[in-house]
Every structure is written in C-alpha cells, then in structure tokens.
N, C-alpha and C. Protein backbone atom coordinates (compact mmCIF):
# COMPACT_ATOMS: atom_id res chain seq x y z
N UNK A 1 74.26 28.04 -43.27
CA UNK A 1 73.90 26.82 -42.45
C UNK A 1 73.42 27.51 -41.20
N UNK A 2 72.96 27.36 -40.53
CA UNK A 2 72.42 28.00 -38.85
C UNK A 2 73.35 27.33 -37.83
N UNK A 3 72.78 27.59 -37.02
CA UNK A 3 73.90 27.18 -35.28
C UNK A 3 73.02 26.03 -35.43
N UNK A 4 71.83 26.23 -35.35
CA UNK A 4 71.51 24.63 -35.15
C UNK A 4 72.00 23.31 -36.43
N UNK A 5 72.17 23.60 -37.34
CA UNK A 5 72.65 22.65 -38.36
C UNK A 5 73.91 22.19 -37.96
N UNK A 6 75.08 23.63 -37.38
CA UNK A 6 75.74 22.88 -37.24
C UNK A 6 76.19 22.08 -35.57
N UNK A 7 75.07 22.76 -34.71
CA UNK A 7 75.37 21.29 -33.68
C UNK A 7 74.59 20.29 -34.08
N UNK A 8 73.79 20.18 -34.85
CA UNK A 8 73.39 18.87 -35.24
C UNK A 8 74.21 17.77 -35.93
N UNK A 9 75.17 18.23 -37.17
CA UNK A 9 76.51 17.78 -37.21
C UNK A 9 77.28 17.35 -36.74
N UNK A 10 77.42 18.24 -35.67
CA UNK A 10 78.35 18.01 -34.40
C UNK A 10 78.39 17.15 -33.39
N UNK A 11 76.71 16.91 -32.63
CA UNK A 11 76.64 15.90 -31.84
C UNK A 11 76.49 14.65 -32.59
N UNK A 12 75.84 14.47 -33.99
CA UNK A 12 75.80 13.10 -35.00
C UNK A 12 77.30 12.93 -35.35
N UNK A 13 78.41 13.50 -35.19
CA UNK A 13 79.87 13.03 -35.17
C UNK A 13 80.19 12.26 -34.06
N UNK A 14 79.84 13.51 -33.23
CA UNK A 14 79.58 12.71 -31.19
C UNK A 14 79.58 11.38 -31.31
N UNK A 15 77.95 10.89 -31.78
CA UNK A 15 77.57 9.98 -31.47
C UNK A 15 77.97 8.72 -32.17
N UNK A 16 78.49 9.43 -33.25
CA UNK A 16 79.32 8.00 -34.35
C UNK A 16 80.94 7.92 -33.26
N UNK A 17 81.32 8.55 -33.43
CA UNK A 17 82.36 8.30 -32.59
C UNK A 17 82.82 7.70 -31.78
N UNK A 18 81.98 8.18 -30.61
CA UNK A 18 81.57 7.85 -29.24
C UNK A 18 81.35 6.09 -29.45
N UNK A 19 80.38 5.59 -30.60
CA UNK A 19 79.66 4.37 -30.31
C UNK A 19 80.76 3.70 -30.80
N UNK A 20 82.06 3.91 -31.80
CA UNK A 20 82.81 3.16 -32.63
C UNK A 20 83.63 3.00 -31.29
N UNK A 21 84.11 4.19 -30.33
CA UNK A 21 84.76 3.52 -29.61
C UNK A 21 84.44 2.34 -28.50
N UNK A 22 83.11 2.21 -28.50
CA UNK A 22 82.86 1.24 -27.40
C UNK A 22 83.46 -0.31 -28.02
N UNK A 23 83.73 -0.29 -29.41
CA UNK A 23 84.40 -1.45 -29.67
C UNK A 23 85.63 -1.52 -30.25
N UNK A 24 86.17 0.02 -29.85
CA UNK A 24 87.52 -0.23 -29.87
C UNK A 24 88.42 -0.22 -28.47
N UNK A 25 87.74 0.38 -27.56
CA UNK A 25 88.26 0.77 -26.27
C UNK A 25 88.34 -1.29 -25.84
N UNK A 26 89.66 -1.05 -25.04
CA UNK A 26 89.88 -2.70 -24.07
C UNK A 26 89.61 -3.00 -22.52
N UNK A 27 88.51 -1.80 -22.33
CA UNK A 27 88.08 -1.77 -20.94
C UNK A 27 86.72 -1.89 -21.24
N UNK A 28 85.70 -2.48 -20.01
CA UNK A 28 84.25 -2.43 -20.27
C UNK A 28 83.43 -1.51 -19.32
N UNK A 29 84.33 -0.81 -18.58
CA UNK A 29 83.93 0.45 -17.88
C UNK A 29 84.16 1.25 -19.18
N UNK A 30 84.82 1.60 -19.86
CA UNK A 30 85.31 2.85 -21.06
C UNK A 30 84.64 2.43 -21.75
N UNK A 31 84.15 1.25 -22.48
CA UNK A 31 83.25 1.08 -22.81
C UNK A 31 81.91 1.41 -22.73
N UNK A 32 81.39 1.50 -21.53
CA UNK A 32 80.26 1.82 -20.70
C UNK A 32 79.89 3.50 -21.03
N UNK A 33 80.76 3.99 -20.47
CA UNK A 33 80.60 5.53 -20.57
C UNK A 33 81.05 5.81 -21.95
N UNK A 34 81.39 5.13 -22.75
CA UNK A 34 81.80 5.77 -24.36
C UNK A 34 80.17 5.47 -24.93
N UNK A 35 79.47 4.55 -24.46
CA UNK A 35 77.95 4.42 -24.84
C UNK A 35 77.38 5.63 -24.22
N UNK A 36 77.69 5.68 -23.34
CA UNK A 36 76.69 6.98 -22.26
C UNK A 36 76.99 7.86 -23.24
N UNK A 37 78.33 8.35 -23.45
CA UNK A 37 78.28 9.70 -24.37
C UNK A 37 77.50 9.57 -25.65
N UNK A 38 77.64 8.50 -25.89
CA UNK A 38 76.66 8.12 -27.58
C UNK A 38 75.51 8.51 -27.09
N UNK A 39 74.93 8.04 -26.24
CA UNK A 39 73.32 8.21 -26.34
C UNK A 39 73.33 9.91 -25.59
N UNK A 40 74.22 10.25 -24.93
CA UNK A 40 73.85 11.59 -24.87
C UNK A 40 73.73 12.38 -26.28
N UNK A 41 74.80 12.20 -26.98
CA UNK A 41 74.89 13.45 -28.33
C UNK A 41 73.31 12.53 -28.90
N UNK A 42 72.86 11.60 -29.03
CA UNK A 42 71.79 11.29 -29.73
C UNK A 42 70.14 12.05 -29.07
N UNK A 43 70.02 12.15 -27.49
CA UNK A 43 69.74 12.66 -26.81
C UNK A 43 69.93 13.87 -27.06
N UNK A 44 70.68 15.10 -27.10
CA UNK A 44 71.03 16.47 -27.65
C UNK A 44 70.39 16.56 -29.25
N UNK A 45 70.20 15.53 -30.25
CA UNK A 45 69.95 15.82 -31.29
C UNK A 45 68.36 15.73 -31.26
N UNK A 46 67.89 14.60 -30.59
CA UNK A 46 66.05 14.98 -29.86
C UNK A 46 65.93 16.33 -29.48
N UNK A 47 66.53 16.71 -28.37
CA UNK A 47 66.27 18.35 -28.06
C UNK A 47 66.33 19.25 -29.34
N UNK A 48 67.49 19.51 -30.23
CA UNK A 48 67.22 19.88 -31.54
C UNK A 48 66.32 19.62 -32.49
N UNK A 49 65.47 18.32 -32.64
CA UNK A 49 64.47 18.49 -33.05
C UNK A 49 62.85 18.44 -32.23
N UNK A 50 63.14 19.30 -31.11
CA UNK A 50 61.84 19.31 -30.61
C UNK A 50 61.29 18.57 -30.02
N UNK A 51 62.04 16.93 -29.60
CA UNK A 51 61.37 16.07 -28.95
C UNK A 51 61.72 16.20 -27.52
N UNK A 52 61.66 16.97 -26.61
CA UNK A 52 62.26 17.29 -25.15
C UNK A 52 61.93 16.04 -24.55
N UNK A 53 61.04 15.22 -24.61
CA UNK A 53 60.83 14.18 -23.63
C UNK A 53 61.20 13.04 -24.17
N UNK A 54 61.54 12.87 -24.85
CA UNK A 54 62.29 11.65 -25.91
C UNK A 54 63.74 12.29 -25.00
N UNK A 55 64.22 13.61 -25.49
CA UNK A 55 65.51 13.64 -25.13
C UNK A 55 66.22 13.66 -23.74
N UNK A 56 65.20 14.02 -22.86
CA UNK A 56 65.20 14.11 -21.87
C UNK A 56 65.21 12.57 -21.00
N UNK A 57 64.16 12.18 -21.52
CA UNK A 57 64.01 10.82 -20.98
C UNK A 57 65.42 9.81 -21.28
N UNK A 58 66.38 9.90 -22.99
CA UNK A 58 67.02 9.31 -22.97
C UNK A 58 68.40 9.56 -22.06
N UNK A 59 68.49 10.71 -21.85
CA UNK A 59 69.66 11.40 -21.05
C UNK A 59 69.37 10.43 -19.51
N UNK A 60 68.36 10.66 -19.03
CA UNK A 60 68.10 9.89 -17.35
C UNK A 60 68.33 8.60 -17.27
N UNK A 61 67.54 7.82 -18.58
CA UNK A 61 67.41 6.27 -18.12
C UNK A 61 68.91 5.80 -19.07
N UNK A 62 69.87 6.85 -19.73
CA UNK A 62 70.61 5.92 -20.47
C UNK A 62 72.06 6.40 -19.34
N UNK A 63 71.73 7.69 -18.49
CA UNK A 63 72.89 7.37 -17.71
C UNK A 63 72.64 6.89 -16.55
N UNK A 64 71.69 6.46 -16.10
CA UNK A 64 71.90 5.84 -15.17
C UNK A 64 71.93 4.53 -15.13
N UNK A 65 71.73 3.75 -16.64
CA UNK A 65 71.75 2.23 -16.68
C UNK A 65 73.43 2.33 -17.01
N UNK A 66 73.78 3.25 -17.72
CA UNK A 66 75.50 3.00 -17.91
C UNK A 66 76.24 3.02 -16.27
N UNK A 67 75.80 3.79 -15.42
CA UNK A 67 76.36 4.12 -14.29
C UNK A 67 76.27 2.84 -13.94
N UNK A 68 75.73 2.41 -13.33
CA UNK A 68 74.77 1.00 -12.79
C UNK A 68 75.92 0.09 -13.65
N UNK A 69 75.75 -0.13 -14.89
CA UNK A 69 76.65 -1.23 -15.37
C UNK A 69 77.80 -1.20 -14.69
N UNK A 70 78.64 0.16 -15.10
CA UNK A 70 80.22 0.43 -14.72
C UNK A 70 80.53 -0.26 -13.48
N UNK A 71 79.66 0.80 -12.59
CA UNK A 71 80.00 0.67 -10.88
C UNK A 71 79.67 -1.20 -10.62
N UNK A 72 78.95 -2.01 -11.12
CA UNK A 72 78.90 -3.55 -10.89
C UNK A 72 79.75 -4.03 -11.44
N UNK A 73 80.88 -3.53 -12.41
CA UNK A 73 81.51 -4.21 -13.62
C UNK A 73 82.79 -3.86 -12.11
N UNK A 74 82.99 -2.59 -11.54
CA UNK A 74 83.90 -2.55 -10.83
C UNK A 74 83.70 -3.41 -9.92
N UNK A 75 82.61 -3.65 -9.21
CA UNK A 75 82.44 -4.49 -7.80
C UNK A 75 82.76 -5.84 -7.92
N UNK A 76 82.42 -6.46 -9.32
CA UNK A 76 82.27 -7.80 -9.23
C UNK A 76 82.95 -8.58 -10.41
N UNK A 77 83.70 -7.68 -11.26
CA UNK A 77 84.40 -8.58 -12.55
C UNK A 77 85.03 -8.98 -12.24
N UNK A 78 86.46 -10.22 -12.41
CA UNK A 78 87.36 -10.80 -11.87
C UNK A 78 88.14 -9.90 -12.58
N UNK A 79 88.28 -9.29 -13.88
CA UNK A 79 89.16 -8.73 -14.39
C UNK A 79 88.88 -7.34 -13.45
N UNK A 80 89.84 -7.07 -12.54
CA UNK A 80 89.73 -5.91 -11.82
C UNK A 80 89.70 -4.89 -12.08
N UNK A 81 88.59 -3.95 -11.67
CA UNK A 81 87.40 -2.79 -12.03
C UNK A 81 87.09 -2.78 -13.56
N UNK A 82 87.84 -4.14 -14.10
CA UNK A 82 86.90 -4.02 -15.74
C UNK A 82 87.79 -2.98 -16.43
N UNK A 83 88.95 -2.53 -16.49
CA UNK A 83 90.02 -1.92 -16.78
C UNK A 83 91.03 -2.66 -17.52
N UNK A 84 91.49 -3.97 -16.98
CA UNK A 84 92.35 -4.60 -17.71
C UNK A 84 91.93 -4.58 -19.35
N UNK A 85 93.36 -4.58 -20.19
CA UNK A 85 93.13 -5.34 -21.48
C UNK A 85 92.25 -6.25 -21.58
N UNK A 86 91.04 -6.37 -22.28
CA UNK A 86 90.44 -7.47 -22.65
C UNK A 86 89.72 -7.63 -24.18
N UNK A 87 89.29 -8.49 -24.68
CA UNK A 87 88.81 -8.17 -26.17
C UNK A 87 87.43 -7.78 -26.04
N UNK A 88 87.08 -6.40 -26.71
CA UNK A 88 85.86 -6.43 -26.28
C UNK A 88 84.72 -6.93 -27.64
N UNK A 89 84.84 -7.43 -28.47
CA UNK A 89 84.64 -7.68 -29.39
C UNK A 89 84.84 -9.28 -29.97
N UNK A 90 83.59 -10.27 -30.42
CA UNK A 90 83.81 -11.68 -30.60
C UNK A 90 82.89 -11.80 -32.25
N UNK A 91 83.25 -12.89 -32.92
CA UNK A 91 82.75 -13.38 -34.17
C UNK A 91 82.47 -11.69 -35.19
N UNK A 92 84.01 -11.29 -35.59
CA UNK A 92 83.77 -10.09 -36.38
C UNK A 92 83.23 -9.73 -37.57
N UNK A 93 83.16 -11.11 -38.10
CA UNK A 93 82.27 -10.78 -39.46
C UNK A 93 81.22 -11.06 -39.16
N UNK A 94 80.38 -12.08 -38.25
CA UNK A 94 79.06 -11.54 -37.57
C UNK A 94 78.76 -9.93 -36.87
N UNK A 95 79.62 -9.70 -36.51
CA UNK A 95 79.30 -8.56 -36.06
C UNK A 95 79.22 -7.30 -37.27
N UNK A 96 80.57 -7.43 -37.94
CA UNK A 96 80.47 -6.06 -39.04
C UNK A 96 79.08 -6.79 -39.73
N UNK A 97 78.55 -7.73 -39.96
CA UNK A 97 77.39 -7.77 -40.97
C UNK A 97 76.46 -7.44 -40.49
N UNK A 98 76.37 -7.74 -38.89
CA UNK A 98 75.31 -7.57 -38.19
C UNK A 98 75.03 -5.73 -38.08
N UNK A 99 76.00 -5.17 -37.99
CA UNK A 99 75.84 -3.54 -37.96
C UNK A 99 75.35 -2.97 -39.28
N UNK A 100 76.37 -3.48 -40.28
CA UNK A 100 75.89 -2.90 -41.64
C UNK A 100 74.75 -3.15 -41.89
N UNK A 101 74.24 -4.24 -41.84
CA UNK A 101 72.65 -4.78 -42.11
C UNK A 101 71.72 -3.96 -41.17
N UNK A 102 72.24 -3.45 -40.05
CA UNK A 102 71.14 -1.94 -39.31
C UNK A 102 71.18 -1.20 -39.68
N UNK A 103 72.36 -0.72 -40.15
CA UNK A 103 72.83 0.89 -40.43
C UNK A 103 71.86 0.94 -41.59
N UNK A 104 71.93 0.21 -42.65
CA UNK A 104 71.31 0.19 -44.21
C UNK A 104 70.00 -0.11 -43.83
N UNK A 105 69.07 -0.83 -42.91
CA UNK A 105 68.04 -1.15 -42.77
C UNK A 105 67.35 0.49 -42.10
N UNK A 106 68.31 1.21 -41.03
CA UNK A 106 67.44 2.06 -40.51
C UNK A 106 67.65 3.32 -41.07
N UNK A 107 69.06 3.53 -42.06
CA UNK A 107 68.87 4.75 -42.63
C UNK A 107 67.86 4.38 -43.69
N UNK A 108 67.39 3.31 -44.50
CA UNK A 108 66.50 3.35 -45.34
C UNK A 108 65.12 3.68 -44.57
N UNK A 109 64.58 3.04 -43.86
CA UNK A 109 63.24 3.69 -43.01
C UNK A 109 63.87 5.34 -42.74
N UNK A 110 64.45 5.68 -42.50
CA UNK A 110 64.58 6.92 -42.29
C UNK A 110 64.26 7.97 -43.31
N UNK A 111 64.97 7.61 -44.49
CA UNK A 111 65.21 8.40 -45.40
C UNK A 111 63.73 7.56 -46.47
N UNK A 112 63.42 6.84 -46.07
CA UNK A 112 61.83 6.76 -47.39
C UNK A 112 60.77 6.60 -46.42
N UNK A 113 60.98 6.92 -45.23
CA UNK A 113 59.15 6.72 -44.79
C UNK A 113 58.69 7.95 -44.70
N UNK A 114 57.76 8.24 -45.24
CA UNK A 114 57.06 9.37 -45.82
C UNK A 114 56.31 9.94 -44.67
N UNK A 115 56.96 10.79 -43.61
CA UNK A 115 56.79 11.33 -42.19
C UNK A 115 55.84 12.77 -42.57
N UNK A 116 54.59 12.91 -41.45
CA UNK A 116 53.63 13.82 -41.64
C UNK A 116 54.49 15.38 -41.67
N UNK A 117 53.99 16.20 -42.35
CA UNK A 117 54.35 17.79 -42.88
C UNK A 117 53.84 18.55 -42.16
N UNK A 118 52.48 18.08 -41.31
CA UNK A 118 51.31 19.64 -40.94
C UNK A 118 52.13 19.85 -39.79
N UNK A 119 51.68 21.11 -39.39
CA UNK A 119 52.61 21.45 -37.79
C UNK A 119 51.41 21.04 -36.93
N UNK A 120 51.82 21.06 -35.50
CA UNK A 120 51.11 20.70 -34.42
C UNK A 120 50.27 21.78 -34.01
N UNK A 121 49.19 21.39 -33.46
CA UNK A 121 48.65 22.76 -32.71
C UNK A 121 49.05 23.53 -31.76
N UNK A 122 49.20 25.25 -31.79
CA UNK A 122 49.47 25.76 -31.25
C UNK A 122 49.19 25.29 -29.30
N UNK A 123 49.47 25.27 -28.41
CA UNK A 123 49.23 24.64 -26.98
C UNK A 123 48.98 23.29 -27.04
N UNK A 124 48.93 22.41 -27.84
CA UNK A 124 48.70 20.96 -27.59
C UNK A 124 49.52 20.44 -26.81
N UNK A 125 48.86 19.45 -26.11
CA UNK A 125 50.46 19.20 -24.85
C UNK A 125 50.98 17.73 -25.64
N UNK A 126 51.84 18.04 -26.17
CA UNK A 126 52.42 16.89 -26.98
C UNK A 126 52.84 15.99 -26.12
N UNK A 127 53.67 16.62 -25.20
CA UNK A 127 54.65 16.20 -24.08
C UNK A 127 53.83 15.15 -23.27
N UNK A 128 52.74 15.81 -22.79
CA UNK A 128 51.81 15.03 -21.67
C UNK A 128 51.31 13.65 -22.75
N UNK A 129 50.72 13.83 -24.11
CA UNK A 129 50.18 12.91 -24.29
C UNK A 129 50.81 12.09 -24.70
N UNK A 130 52.50 12.32 -25.20
CA UNK A 130 53.27 11.35 -25.74
C UNK A 130 53.47 10.25 -24.17
N UNK A 131 53.99 10.90 -23.26
CA UNK A 131 53.94 10.46 -21.99
C UNK A 131 52.75 9.07 -21.52
N UNK A 132 51.53 9.55 -22.08
CA UNK A 132 49.86 8.77 -21.86
C UNK A 132 50.21 7.92 -22.38
N UNK A 133 50.54 7.86 -23.99
CA UNK A 133 50.69 6.79 -25.31
C UNK A 133 51.89 5.73 -24.54
N UNK A 134 53.02 6.37 -24.35
CA UNK A 134 54.00 5.71 -24.04
C UNK A 134 53.92 4.43 -22.36
N UNK A 135 53.77 5.25 -21.38
CA UNK A 135 53.34 4.62 -20.27
C UNK A 135 51.99 4.44 -19.95
N UNK A 136 51.03 5.00 -20.48
CA UNK A 136 49.68 4.88 -19.97
C UNK A 136 49.53 4.74 -18.35
N UNK A 137 48.79 3.62 -17.96
CA UNK A 137 48.49 4.12 -16.26
C UNK A 137 49.75 3.20 -15.52
N UNK A 138 50.80 3.61 -16.13
CA UNK A 138 52.46 2.63 -15.33
C UNK A 138 53.12 4.11 -14.80
N UNK A 139 52.58 5.15 -14.86
CA UNK A 139 53.64 5.68 -14.50
C UNK A 139 54.50 5.83 -13.24
N UNK A 140 53.33 5.49 -11.87
CA UNK A 140 53.84 4.76 -10.63
C UNK A 140 54.97 3.76 -11.08
N UNK A 141 54.83 2.67 -11.42
CA UNK A 141 55.31 2.00 -11.30
C UNK A 141 56.65 2.06 -12.10
N UNK A 142 56.35 3.05 -13.43
CA UNK A 142 58.40 3.96 -13.61
C UNK A 142 58.87 3.98 -13.01
N UNK A 143 57.86 5.55 -12.21
CA UNK A 143 58.90 5.82 -11.09
C UNK A 143 59.50 5.21 -9.89
N UNK A 144 58.85 4.28 -9.55
CA UNK A 144 59.30 3.56 -8.59
C UNK A 144 60.65 2.82 -9.01
N UNK A 145 60.80 2.22 -10.21
CA UNK A 145 61.88 1.46 -10.90
C UNK A 145 62.95 2.52 -10.49
N UNK A 146 62.69 3.92 -11.11
CA UNK A 146 63.57 4.86 -10.99
C UNK A 146 64.35 5.13 -9.64
N UNK A 147 63.37 5.28 -8.74
CA UNK A 147 63.87 5.00 -7.37
C UNK A 147 64.74 4.10 -6.75
N UNK A 148 64.51 2.53 -7.24
CA UNK A 148 65.01 1.80 -6.84
C UNK A 148 66.60 1.67 -7.64
N UNK A 149 66.50 1.96 -8.92
CA UNK A 149 68.19 2.07 -9.48
C UNK A 149 68.66 2.74 -8.74
N UNK A 150 68.33 4.64 -8.49
CA UNK A 150 68.90 4.90 -7.82
C UNK A 150 69.47 4.60 -6.33
N UNK A 151 68.64 3.75 -5.78
CA UNK A 151 69.20 3.53 -4.34
C UNK A 151 69.98 2.14 -4.77
N UNK A 152 69.95 1.54 -5.58
CA UNK A 152 71.15 0.40 -6.43
C UNK A 152 72.62 1.28 -6.35
N UNK A 153 72.37 2.50 -6.94
CA UNK A 153 73.52 2.95 -7.67
C UNK A 153 74.52 3.30 -6.19
N UNK A 154 73.76 4.03 -5.45
CA UNK A 154 73.97 4.48 -3.97
C UNK A 154 74.25 3.29 -3.17
N UNK A 155 74.06 2.41 -2.95
CA UNK A 155 74.48 1.25 -2.52
C UNK A 155 75.53 0.51 -3.29
N UNK A 156 75.71 0.71 -4.38
CA UNK A 156 77.01 -0.03 -4.89
C UNK A 156 78.04 1.02 -4.59
N UNK A 157 77.84 2.32 -4.74
CA UNK A 157 79.07 3.14 -4.65
C UNK A 157 79.66 2.62 -2.98
N UNK A 158 78.77 2.90 -1.90
CA UNK A 158 78.67 2.37 -0.55
C UNK A 158 79.66 0.91 -0.41
N UNK A 159 78.95 0.28 -1.20
CA UNK A 159 79.75 -1.30 -1.23
C UNK A 159 81.07 -1.39 -1.49
N UNK A 160 81.48 -0.57 -2.72
CA UNK A 160 82.68 -1.03 -3.24
C UNK A 160 83.63 0.28 -3.20
N UNK A 161 83.34 1.01 -1.72
CA UNK A 161 84.52 2.03 -1.93
C UNK A 161 85.54 1.58 -0.92
N UNK A 162 85.24 0.33 -0.36
CA UNK A 162 86.56 -0.14 0.65
C UNK A 162 86.48 -1.70 0.28
N UNK A 163 85.76 -2.25 1.02
CA UNK A 163 85.55 -3.46 0.69
C UNK A 163 85.17 -4.16 -0.26
N UNK A 164 86.16 -4.53 -1.26
CA UNK A 164 86.12 -5.08 -2.69
C UNK A 164 85.66 -6.56 -2.35
N UNK A 165 85.73 -7.56 -3.94
CA UNK A 165 85.22 -8.81 -3.61
C UNK A 165 86.15 -9.58 -2.94
N UNK A 166 87.53 -9.42 -3.14
CA UNK A 166 88.76 -10.21 -2.77
C UNK A 166 89.42 -9.22 -1.69
N UNK A 167 88.75 -8.91 -0.85
CA UNK A 167 89.41 -7.71 -0.21
C UNK A 167 89.34 -6.68 0.47
N UNK A 168 89.99 -6.23 1.39
CA UNK A 168 89.88 -4.62 1.52
C UNK A 168 90.17 -4.06 0.60
N UNK A 169 89.85 -2.80 0.09
CA UNK A 169 90.47 -2.08 -1.55
C UNK A 169 91.61 -2.01 -0.94
N UNK A 170 92.05 -0.88 0.42
CA UNK A 170 92.70 -0.05 0.46
C UNK A 170 93.98 -1.11 1.10
N UNK A 171 94.07 -2.01 0.89
CA UNK A 171 94.85 -3.12 1.30
C UNK A 171 95.30 -3.89 0.34
N UNK A 172 94.97 -3.89 -0.82
CA UNK A 172 95.21 -4.52 -2.26
C UNK A 172 94.50 -6.08 -2.03
N UNK A 173 93.69 -6.06 -2.90
CA UNK A 173 92.81 -7.44 -3.15
C UNK A 173 93.55 -8.24 -4.21
N UNK A 174 93.26 -9.73 -3.85
CA UNK A 174 93.63 -10.38 -4.87
C UNK A 174 92.94 -11.31 -5.57
N UNK A 175 92.60 -11.34 -6.79
CA UNK A 175 91.47 -11.91 -7.13
C UNK A 175 91.88 -13.24 -6.90
N UNK A 176 91.19 -14.25 -7.03
CA UNK A 176 91.38 -15.64 -7.44
C UNK A 176 92.02 -16.59 -8.31
N UNK A 177 92.98 -17.46 -8.53
CA UNK A 177 93.79 -17.83 -9.71
C UNK A 177 92.76 -19.19 -10.53
N UNK A 178 92.82 -18.53 -11.99
CA UNK A 178 92.57 -19.57 -12.79
C UNK A 178 92.40 -20.73 -12.52
N UNK A 179 93.48 -21.39 -12.00
CA UNK A 179 93.55 -22.64 -11.37
C UNK A 179 93.91 -22.63 -9.98
N UNK A 180 93.57 -23.93 -9.21
CA UNK A 180 94.09 -23.87 -7.73
C UNK A 180 95.39 -23.60 -7.92
N UNK A 181 95.89 -22.51 -6.49
CA UNK A 181 96.99 -22.17 -6.22
C UNK A 181 97.72 -21.61 -7.18
N UNK A 182 97.01 -21.03 -8.36
CA UNK A 182 97.53 -20.36 -9.90
C UNK A 182 97.98 -19.04 -9.34
N UNK A 183 98.26 -18.45 -10.16
CA UNK A 183 98.74 -16.77 -9.90
C UNK A 183 97.56 -16.11 -10.12
N UNK A 184 96.85 -15.00 -9.83
CA UNK A 184 95.90 -14.63 -9.37
C UNK A 184 95.17 -13.84 -11.29
N UNK A 185 93.87 -13.95 -11.37
CA UNK A 185 93.55 -13.72 -12.59
C UNK A 185 93.49 -12.09 -12.76
N UNK A 186 94.30 -11.62 -14.05
CA UNK A 186 94.17 -10.36 -14.21
C UNK A 186 95.53 -9.59 -13.48
N UNK A 187 95.40 -8.29 -13.28
CA UNK A 187 96.64 -7.85 -12.65
C UNK A 187 96.45 -7.63 -10.79
N UNK A 188 98.05 -8.57 -10.79
CA UNK A 188 98.06 -8.60 -9.31
C UNK A 188 98.44 -7.13 -8.84
N UNK A 189 97.61 -6.99 -7.34
CA UNK A 189 97.86 -5.48 -7.00
C UNK A 189 98.99 -5.04 -7.08
N UNK A 190 100.05 -3.70 -7.34
CA UNK A 190 101.10 -3.76 -6.72
C UNK A 190 101.51 -2.97 -5.42
N UNK A 191 102.43 -3.17 -5.06
CA UNK A 191 102.84 -2.91 -3.61
C UNK A 191 103.93 -2.07 -3.69
N UNK A 192 104.08 -1.32 -2.70
CA UNK A 192 105.26 -0.21 -2.73
C UNK A 192 106.11 -0.83 -1.48
N UNK A 193 107.00 -0.99 -2.45
CA UNK A 193 108.66 -1.87 -1.52
C UNK A 193 108.96 -0.95 -0.46
N UNK A 194 109.23 0.28 -0.63
CA UNK A 194 109.53 0.96 0.64
C UNK A 194 108.73 0.89 1.65
N UNK A 195 107.58 0.68 1.14
CA UNK A 195 106.49 1.10 2.68
C UNK A 195 106.29 -0.65 3.10
N UNK A 196 106.63 -1.46 2.04
CA UNK A 196 106.30 -2.63 2.83
C UNK A 196 107.97 -2.72 4.02
N UNK A 197 108.74 -2.40 3.29
CA UNK A 197 109.99 -2.62 3.91
C UNK A 197 110.17 -1.88 5.39
N UNK A 198 109.26 -0.51 5.25
CA UNK A 198 109.09 -0.21 6.88
C UNK A 198 108.00 -0.51 7.59
N UNK A 199 107.36 -1.10 7.21
CA UNK A 199 106.17 -1.77 7.81
C UNK A 199 106.79 -3.29 8.61
N UNK A 200 107.82 -3.66 7.69
CA UNK A 200 108.28 -4.90 8.34
C UNK A 200 109.10 -4.29 9.58
N UNK A 201 109.66 -3.29 9.41
CA UNK A 201 110.62 -3.14 10.60
C UNK A 201 109.89 -1.75 11.64
N UNK A 202 108.54 -1.84 11.22
CA UNK A 202 107.51 -1.22 12.36
C UNK A 202 108.04 0.44 12.32
N UNK A 203 108.59 0.78 11.27
CA UNK A 203 109.17 2.20 10.91
C UNK A 203 107.87 3.06 10.08
C-alpha cells in the first residue's frame, strides 16, 4: 500500500465522519463547519486523483459558501449565534431512507460505470479544457460572483463585530420573546453580578 492509498483512506474516513457530524451536532454553526471539512476531504481526494481543477474549485467554493452561511447565522438567527442546542434533523425515517437510496445510487454508478482507461496525451491542457467546458464564456460572471461573495463576508464580519441584531454585542443583547412580554427566546445573556454591583455604585 502506497502513501497515496493511505491518504485516500484517511481523507475518505474524514469525509464520512465529518458528514455524519453535520447531523449529530446541535448547532447550525458547527454543522456548517463540519460540512465544510467534509467537502475539504473530498477535495483532497480529487487532488489525489489528479483532478486539480475540481479539487481547488471545491475548496474555494465550499470555504466561501460555508463561511458566509455561518456568519449570517451568527448575525440573524434568533437562536443566539446559532450555538444553542437545537434539533438538526427532521422527518428521521424519510431522511434515513433518502440517504440510503442516494448512497446506493451513487455507489452503483461509481462501481458499474465503464470508465475510460486510455491515458491523456502529454501536454494536453486538461484544466483549461475543463474550465471552458464548465464555464464557457461565463468566466467574468463567475469571477464577479466570487468578488461579491468576498465583499459579503467582509461586510458580515464588520456588521456583526459589535452591533448585533438585538443590541450592542459588548453590552449583552436580548432577543425578543416568543410571546409579547415573555422571556427572550434562546439563552439570555449572562451578566457578571460583581460588575453590575460595582456599576451601580459607580465603582
């Protein structure tokens, strides 16, 4: 067994384990990062299979997508920062059935498809040809979308750094209650009793 074989099995195990953690964690933010790690492992497998374009594209796209998702959940979820415990899976039987069917279908396609065995000619611009086939004349649109997503990430960090949706983050924000005048939804911000005592006495 070569080093590439060992790396393949390690990345495969990592992809499966992190994908499983997406459905086992009780936080939307943690689920986003677990899914991102799963895609990174898949991208590493693509690099091992000499598919650098698909591997690098997967890393770039999934890193941006999952980061934007996590940051927006921190900003806008009523569950503070998307970190409080919550049920991540609904319709368990349907979900399990869909997952088993998808796994069986993809596994059958990978094992039964008659893939080509002839080697690619040396010097053939495989990455350029693949990029042309996938994007055609839309490269400028693709790059513009990437810059827009980057600007969105930066703006999200700036907006969520101090002023939260329900008040200033450094003063403790309180989300609205589920009922008018009721207790705030999710976890109420903890306050330091000693700090509050000193503040009341001007100390």
